[in-house]
């Protein structure tokens, strides 16, 4: 007896139904065939690597002296909680470098031990990250 189809002998057999396990829902069955990402996190890591950061500039001695002078002035005014605008470097938490920003806020105190300016909104700026302080204080 010649067979035209290799599956003729089993094609009409009934499907097996387990007595122990209920049939899987169509949604669960479909989930088995969802797209597979072999490199989990690869897209995130390539996006992170492509994200640009700035290098921290080295200030001249004159610029550092100007910041020291402005910090001295702010120490004298700290009790009055002056409005301060400064340019500062924000280090990146994930890689070398960071970004530059201009920040304005009401000065709460100057913490000499931690070398930071503390603002009433809870923000802090390290002395070493200050690039310039406004001339209004």
Protein backbone atom coordinates (compact mmCIF):
# COMPACT_ATOMS: atom_id res chain seq x y z
CA UNK A 1 0.00 0.00 0.00
CA UNK A 2 1.52 3.28 -1.14
CA UNK A 3 0.99 6.43 0.89
CA UNK A 4 0.62 9.80 -0.82
CA UNK A 5 1.01 11.67 2.44
CA UNK A 6 3.41 10.78 5.25
CA UNK A 7 0.76 11.62 7.88
CA UNK A 8 -2.22 9.68 6.51
CA UNK A 9 -1.94 7.13 9.31
CA UNK A 10 -2.27 9.72 12.14
CA UNK A 11 -4.11 12.67 10.63
CA UNK A 12 -7.57 11.56 11.78
CA UNK A 13 -6.64 10.37 15.27
CA UNK A 14 -8.32 12.27 18.16
CA UNK A 15 -6.29 14.92 20.09
CA UNK A 16 -4.97 13.81 23.44
CA UNK A 17 -6.68 15.50 26.40
CA UNK A 18 -4.95 15.30 29.78
CA UNK A 19 -7.08 14.20 32.71
CA UNK A 20 -4.72 15.93 35.18
CA UNK A 21 -4.12 19.30 33.52
CA UNK A 22 -6.83 21.64 32.15
CA UNK A 23 -6.32 22.90 28.59
CA UNK A 24 -4.30 26.11 28.24
CA UNK A 25 -6.13 29.30 27.25
CA UNK A 26 -5.58 30.71 23.78
CA UNK A 27 -3.80 33.75 25.30
CA UNK A 28 -1.37 31.53 27.22
CA UNK A 29 -0.70 29.44 24.15
CA UNK A 30 -0.08 32.56 22.07
CA UNK A 31 2.38 33.89 24.66
CA UNK A 32 4.66 30.96 23.94
CA UNK A 33 5.19 32.33 20.47
CA UNK A 34 5.74 35.99 21.37
CA UNK A 35 8.91 37.73 20.11
CA UNK A 36 12.05 36.68 21.91
CA UNK A 37 14.85 39.09 22.77
CA UNK A 38 18.00 37.10 23.25
CA UNK A 39 19.97 40.17 24.34
CA UNK A 40 17.84 41.53 27.16
CA UNK A 41 19.03 45.03 28.07
CA UNK A 42 21.09 45.43 24.91
CA UNK A 43 18.98 48.35 23.63
CA UNK A 44 19.24 50.10 27.00
CA UNK A 45 22.99 49.67 27.14
CA UNK A 46 23.51 50.95 23.59
CA UNK A 47 21.30 53.97 24.32
CA UNK A 48 23.31 54.64 27.49
CA UNK A 49 26.59 54.37 25.60
CA UNK A 50 25.31 56.79 22.96
CA UNK A 51 24.12 59.35 25.54
CA UNK A 52 26.45 62.32 25.48
CA UNK A 53 27.95 63.89 28.57
CA UNK A 54 30.18 66.92 28.98
CA UNK A 55 33.60 66.92 30.54
CA UNK A 56 34.08 69.07 33.59
CA UNK A 57 36.06 72.18 32.70
CA UNK A 58 39.09 73.13 34.74
CA UNK A 59 38.70 76.63 36.14
CA UNK A 60 41.50 79.15 36.01
CA UNK A 61 42.97 80.39 39.27
CA UNK A 62 41.19 83.70 38.70
CA UNK A 63 37.82 81.94 38.29
CA UNK A 64 38.41 79.85 41.44
CA UNK A 65 39.36 83.01 43.38
CA UNK A 66 36.18 84.73 42.17
CA UNK A 67 34.09 81.79 43.45
CA UNK A 68 35.91 81.85 46.81
CA UNK A 69 35.22 85.59 47.09
CA UNK A 70 31.54 85.10 46.25
CA UNK A 71 31.25 82.26 48.80
CA UNK A 72 32.72 84.59 51.46
CA UNK A 73 30.09 87.21 50.57
CA UNK A 74 27.35 84.57 50.75
CA UNK A 75 28.55 83.43 54.20
CA UNK A 76 27.96 86.96 55.47
CA UNK A 77 24.45 87.00 53.93
CA UNK A 78 23.45 83.39 54.73
CA UNK A 79 21.23 84.41 57.68
CA UNK A 80 19.17 86.59 55.32
CA UNK A 81 18.54 83.64 52.96
CA UNK A 82 19.51 85.43 49.74
CA UNK A 83 18.38 84.40 46.27
CA UNK A 84 21.37 82.84 44.52
CA UNK A 85 21.86 82.00 40.86
CA UNK A 86 24.84 79.89 39.94
CA UNK A 87 26.24 77.90 37.07
CA UNK A 88 27.25 74.43 38.11
CA UNK A 89 28.38 71.06 36.85
CA UNK A 90 26.19 68.05 37.65
CA UNK A 91 28.19 64.81 37.57
CA UNK A 92 26.57 61.92 35.71
CA UNK A 93 25.73 58.99 37.97
CA UNK A 94 26.40 56.33 35.32
CA UNK A 95 29.54 57.42 33.50
CA UNK A 96 32.39 59.93 33.50
CA UNK A 97 31.33 63.47 32.76
CA UNK A 98 28.06 65.24 33.38
CA UNK A 99 26.09 68.28 32.35
CA UNK A 100 26.06 72.00 33.04
CA UNK A 101 23.08 73.88 34.37
CA UNK A 102 22.09 77.23 35.81
CA UNK A 103 20.34 76.91 39.15
CA UNK A 104 18.46 79.59 41.11
CA UNK A 105 17.21 79.19 44.64
CA UNK A 106 16.96 80.62 48.13
CA UNK A 107 20.08 79.85 50.16
CA UNK A 108 19.28 78.10 53.44
CA UNK A 109 22.83 77.59 54.72
CA UNK A 110 26.41 76.93 53.79
CA UNK A 111 27.71 73.62 55.13
CA UNK A 112 31.44 74.11 55.55
CA UNK A 113 32.04 70.53 56.68
CA UNK A 114 30.47 68.93 53.61
CA UNK A 115 31.51 71.87 51.39
CA UNK A 116 28.01 72.40 50.00
CA UNK A 117 25.42 75.12 49.55
CA UNK A 118 22.04 74.03 50.92
CA UNK A 119 18.89 75.61 49.46
CA UNK A 120 15.41 75.90 50.97
CA UNK A 121 13.97 73.54 48.32
CA UNK A 122 16.32 70.77 49.51
CA UNK A 123 18.78 71.01 46.61
CA UNK A 124 22.48 71.08 47.36
CA UNK A 125 25.47 72.09 45.28
CA UNK A 126 29.03 71.07 46.09
CA UNK A 127 31.56 73.90 46.13
CA UNK A 128 33.74 71.94 43.68
CA UNK A 129 30.93 71.86 41.10
CA UNK A 130 30.30 75.61 41.07
CA UNK A 131 31.43 77.29 37.86
CA UNK A 132 30.16 80.80 38.59
CA UNK A 133 28.01 82.63 41.16
CA UNK A 134 25.85 85.62 40.26
CA UNK A 135 26.90 89.11 41.32
CA UNK A 136 23.59 90.04 43.02
CA UNK A 137 24.16 88.48 46.45
